[in-house]
Amino acid sequence: MEDIITNWMPQLLSGFGVTLAVTGLSLLFGLPLGIVFAFGMLNKIKVVQYLFIGIVEFGRGVPLLVLLYLIYFGFPTVGVVWSSFVVAVVAITFNTAAYTSEIFRAGILNVPRGHIEAAHALGLSSGDERRFVVLPQAIRLVIGPIVAYSIIIFQGTSLGYAISLPEVLNQAYQIGSVNFQYLAVFTIAGLMYAVVSIIVSRLVHVIETKTALS
């Protein structure tokens, strides 16, 4: 136990910090981009609509691991070299935007038509209509699924191990490769993921309950 506390935990917590940082940044950039993609897919100009649909389908169709490899190993061949941390954030951001765009689109389409017509009657511009009427209601409708999806993003950061991202799984493997206590160290790493996932799951339940009541 003393060995775990003194030798393992600092390294695991360091990796856990990287995991949380990648998750937070990916959500920070990915969710707004997902909203842009959602409105793009609903654009009345067909060329724009099909362009965004193509981008989203590509993002949803390519496995995250392949996307990580594409950026980390492929981009340097054209002179673009990023650290594993930046690659992870960029890849997961794009993946997040692609998947959450469908959630946001569903929310936008479920905004009551009467509210949109009222905005037209008030003379709001298209931009103001989206900003003050459509988007706030759409976000309220999908906040539960979006928070739930953040668990998938959080767990998906473990794929960063494949590009040497020093996240918690990578650190656990390094510890195990030294003392060969893989069962113990991976159990601790798994518990770290589980604790956060359970907390967020409970948060989703609370949000959905309050949304239903309101």
Protein backbone atom coordinates (compact mmCIF):
# COMPACT_ATOMS: atom_id res chain seq x y z
CA MET A 1 0.00 0.00 0.00
CA GLU A 2 2.82 2.40 0.85
CA ASP A 3 4.42 1.65 -2.52
CA ILE A 4 1.16 2.49 -4.27
CA ILE A 5 0.77 5.81 -2.47
CA THR A 6 4.36 6.98 -2.68
CA ASN A 7 5.42 5.63 -6.07
CA TRP A 8 2.33 4.99 -8.17
CA MET A 9 -0.16 7.70 -7.32
CA PRO A 10 1.93 10.77 -8.24
CA GLN A 11 2.55 9.32 -11.70
CA LEU A 12 -1.06 8.17 -12.13
CA LEU A 13 -2.41 11.52 -10.96
CA SER A 14 -0.11 13.28 -13.40
CA GLY A 15 -1.56 11.18 -16.20
CA PHE A 16 -5.06 11.74 -14.87
CA GLY A 17 -4.47 15.49 -15.10
CA VAL A 18 -3.55 15.11 -18.77
CA THR A 19 -6.69 13.02 -19.31
CA LEU A 20 -8.88 15.70 -17.75
CA ALA A 21 -7.11 18.48 -19.68
CA VAL A 22 -7.62 16.75 -23.03
CA THR A 23 -11.25 16.04 -22.16
CA GLY A 24 -11.93 19.62 -21.06
CA LEU A 25 -10.28 21.25 -24.06
CA SER A 26 -11.94 18.86 -26.51
CA LEU A 27 -15.36 19.70 -25.07
CA LEU A 28 -14.54 23.43 -24.90
CA PHE A 29 -13.73 23.53 -28.62
CA GLY A 30 -15.82 20.60 -29.83
CA LEU A 31 -19.24 21.64 -28.53
CA PRO A 32 -19.29 25.11 -30.17
CA LEU A 33 -17.99 23.51 -33.37
CA GLY A 34 -20.76 20.94 -33.11
CA ILE A 35 -23.31 23.76 -32.98
CA VAL A 36 -21.76 25.28 -36.11
CA PHE A 37 -21.95 21.90 -37.86
CA ALA A 38 -25.59 21.50 -36.79
CA PHE A 39 -26.64 24.85 -38.22
CA GLY A 40 -24.56 24.10 -41.32
CA MET A 41 -26.48 20.87 -41.92
CA LEU A 42 -29.74 22.83 -41.62
CA ASN A 43 -28.61 25.58 -44.01
CA LYS A 44 -31.10 26.27 -46.79
CA ILE A 45 -28.30 26.57 -49.34
CA LYS A 46 -27.89 23.01 -50.57
CA VAL A 47 -24.17 23.27 -51.36
CA VAL A 48 -23.43 24.46 -47.83
CA GLN A 49 -25.76 21.86 -46.35
CA TYR A 50 -24.13 18.98 -48.24
CA LEU A 51 -20.66 20.26 -47.38
CA PHE A 52 -21.40 20.14 -43.65
CA ILE A 53 -23.17 16.80 -43.94
CA GLY A 54 -20.06 15.43 -45.64
CA ILE A 55 -17.79 16.80 -42.91
CA VAL A 56 -19.98 15.33 -40.17
CA GLU A 57 -20.28 11.95 -41.88
CA PHE A 58 -16.50 11.83 -42.25
CA GLY A 59 -16.03 12.68 -38.59
CA ARG A 60 -18.53 10.05 -37.51
CA GLY A 61 -17.36 7.43 -39.97
CA VAL A 62 -13.62 7.49 -39.26
CA PRO A 63 -12.66 5.73 -36.00
CA LEU A 64 -11.03 8.03 -33.48
CA LEU A 65 -7.90 5.87 -33.37
CA VAL A 66 -7.50 6.18 -37.15
CA LEU A 67 -7.97 9.94 -36.88
CA LEU A 68 -5.27 10.11 -34.20
CA TYR A 69 -2.88 8.14 -36.41
CA LEU A 70 -3.78 10.24 -39.45
CA ILE A 71 -2.85 13.48 -37.71
CA TYR A 72 0.07 12.22 -35.62
CA PHE A 73 1.82 10.14 -38.29
CA GLY A 74 0.32 11.53 -41.50
CA PHE A 75 0.55 15.28 -41.04
CA PRO A 76 4.35 15.31 -40.53
CA THR A 77 4.73 14.05 -44.11
CA VAL A 78 3.37 17.42 -45.29
CA GLY A 79 5.38 19.41 -42.77
CA VAL A 80 2.81 19.69 -39.97
CA VAL A 81 4.25 18.38 -36.71
CA TRP A 82 2.28 18.61 -33.46
CA SER A 83 2.85 17.19 -30.00
CA SER A 84 0.80 14.20 -28.92
CA PHE A 85 -1.22 16.48 -26.63
CA VAL A 86 -2.19 18.86 -29.44
CA VAL A 87 -2.97 15.95 -31.77
CA ALA A 88 -5.22 14.36 -29.15
CA VAL A 89 -7.11 17.62 -28.56
CA VAL A 90 -7.54 18.31 -32.29
CA ALA A 91 -8.67 14.77 -33.13
CA ILE A 92 -11.06 14.43 -30.20
CA THR A 93 -12.41 17.94 -30.79
CA PHE A 94 -13.31 17.04 -34.37
CA ASN A 95 -14.79 13.73 -33.27
CA THR A 96 -16.80 15.49 -30.57
CA ALA A 97 -18.09 18.12 -32.99
CA ALA A 98 -19.17 15.49 -35.51
CA TYR A 99 -21.13 13.42 -33.01
CA THR A 100 -22.64 16.23 -30.96
CA SER A 101 -23.74 18.06 -34.11
CA GLU A 102 -26.45 15.44 -34.57
CA ILE A 103 -27.57 15.93 -30.97
CA PHE A 104 -27.68 19.70 -31.42
CA ARG A 105 -29.51 19.35 -34.73
CA ALA A 106 -32.18 17.24 -33.04
CA GLY A 107 -32.53 19.91 -30.36
CA ILE A 108 -32.84 22.68 -32.95
CA LEU A 109 -35.50 20.79 -34.88
CA ASN A 110 -37.48 20.27 -31.68
CA VAL A 111 -37.74 23.96 -30.83
CA PRO A 112 -41.48 24.79 -31.05
CA ARG A 113 -42.34 26.26 -34.41
CA GLY A 114 -44.53 28.87 -32.74
CA HIS A 115 -41.52 30.38 -30.97
CA ILE A 116 -39.68 30.76 -34.26
CA GLU A 117 -42.73 32.37 -35.88
CA ALA A 118 -42.96 34.75 -32.92
CA ALA A 119 -39.33 35.74 -33.51
CA HIS A 120 -40.18 36.46 -37.15
CA ALA A 121 -43.14 38.56 -36.06
CA LEU A 122 -40.90 40.60 -33.78
CA GLY A 123 -38.64 41.32 -36.73
CA LEU A 124 -35.57 39.54 -35.38
CA SER A 125 -32.80 38.91 -37.87
CA SER A 126 -31.82 35.35 -38.71
CA GLY A 127 -28.73 35.65 -36.52
CA ASP A 128 -30.64 37.07 -33.55
CA GLU A 129 -33.32 34.42 -33.97
CA ARG A 130 -30.74 31.68 -33.67
CA ARG A 131 -28.85 33.37 -30.85
CA PHE A 132 -31.74 34.40 -28.63
CA VAL A 133 -34.56 32.00 -29.50
CA VAL A 134 -33.43 28.77 -31.14
CA LEU A 135 -30.06 28.06 -29.55
CA PRO A 136 -30.99 28.60 -25.85
CA GLN A 137 -34.00 26.30 -26.17
CA ALA A 138 -32.11 23.71 -28.19
CA ILE A 139 -29.31 23.56 -25.62
CA ARG A 140 -31.84 23.16 -22.82
CA LEU A 141 -33.39 20.22 -24.68
CA VAL A 142 -30.11 18.39 -25.28
CA ILE A 143 -28.02 19.25 -22.22
CA GLY A 144 -28.61 15.79 -20.72
CA PRO A 145 -27.41 13.84 -23.79
CA ILE A 146 -24.48 16.24 -24.24
CA VAL A 147 -23.28 15.75 -20.66
CA ALA A 148 -23.76 12.00 -21.07
CA TYR A 149 -21.66 12.07 -24.24
CA SER A 150 -18.86 13.77 -22.31
CA ILE A 151 -18.34 10.43 -20.54
CA ILE A 152 -17.55 8.83 -23.90
CA ILE A 153 -15.09 11.62 -24.66
CA PHE A 154 -13.46 11.22 -21.26
CA GLN A 155 -13.04 7.48 -21.74
CA GLY A 156 -11.97 7.95 -25.35
CA THR A 157 -8.89 9.89 -24.28
CA SER A 158 -7.37 6.53 -23.36
CA LEU A 159 -6.76 6.04 -27.10
CA GLY A 160 -4.10 8.73 -26.73
CA TYR A 161 -1.91 5.93 -25.42
CA ALA A 162 -1.43 4.89 -29.06
CA ILE A 163 0.37 8.17 -29.84
CA SER A 164 2.37 8.28 -26.60
CA LEU A 165 0.11 10.81 -24.89
CA PRO A 166 1.15 10.70 -21.20
CA GLU A 167 -2.42 10.18 -19.97
CA VAL A 168 -3.45 7.87 -17.14
CA LEU A 169 -3.47 4.64 -19.18
CA ASN A 170 0.00 5.37 -20.54
CA GLN A 171 1.30 6.08 -17.05
CA ALA A 172 -0.29 2.89 -15.72
CA TYR A 173 1.43 0.87 -18.42
CA GLN A 174 4.78 2.47 -17.63
CA ILE A 175 4.39 1.61 -13.95
CA GLY A 176 3.39 -1.95 -14.80
CA SER A 177 6.33 -2.39 -17.16
CA VAL A 178 8.68 -1.63 -14.26
CA ASN A 179 7.16 -3.73 -11.46
CA PHE A 180 4.99 -6.13 -13.52
CA GLN A 181 2.02 -5.51 -11.22
CA TYR A 182 -0.27 -4.87 -14.16
CA LEU A 183 -3.43 -6.14 -12.47
CA ALA A 184 -3.12 -3.74 -9.55
CA VAL A 185 -2.06 -0.67 -11.49
CA PHE A 186 -4.65 -1.09 -14.26
CA THR A 187 -7.33 -1.67 -11.63
CA ILE A 188 -6.47 1.66 -10.03
CA ALA A 189 -6.47 3.37 -13.43
CA GLY A 190 -9.83 1.79 -14.21
CA LEU A 191 -11.25 3.00 -10.91
CA MET A 192 -10.16 6.54 -11.77
CA TYR A 193 -12.16 6.38 -14.99
CA ALA A 194 -15.10 4.74 -13.21
CA VAL A 195 -15.34 7.32 -10.43
CA VAL A 196 -15.53 10.25 -12.84
CA SER A 197 -17.95 8.40 -15.13
CA ILE A 198 -20.28 7.54 -12.23
CA ILE A 199 -20.26 11.14 -10.96
CA VAL A 200 -21.08 12.49 -14.42
CA SER A 201 -23.79 9.83 -14.87
CA ARG A 202 -25.44 10.98 -11.66
CA LEU A 203 -25.17 14.56 -12.87
CA VAL A 204 -26.96 13.57 -16.08
CA HIS A 205 -29.75 12.00 -14.02
CA VAL A 206 -30.14 15.19 -11.96
CA ILE A 207 -30.17 17.39 -15.07
CA GLU A 208 -32.74 15.23 -16.84
CA THR A 209 -34.95 15.16 -13.74
CA LYS A 210 -34.86 18.95 -13.37
CA THR A 211 -35.46 19.42 -17.10
CA ALA A 212 -38.47 17.11 -16.99
CA LEU A 213 -39.92 18.92 -13.97
CA SER A 214 -39.50 22.33 -15.55
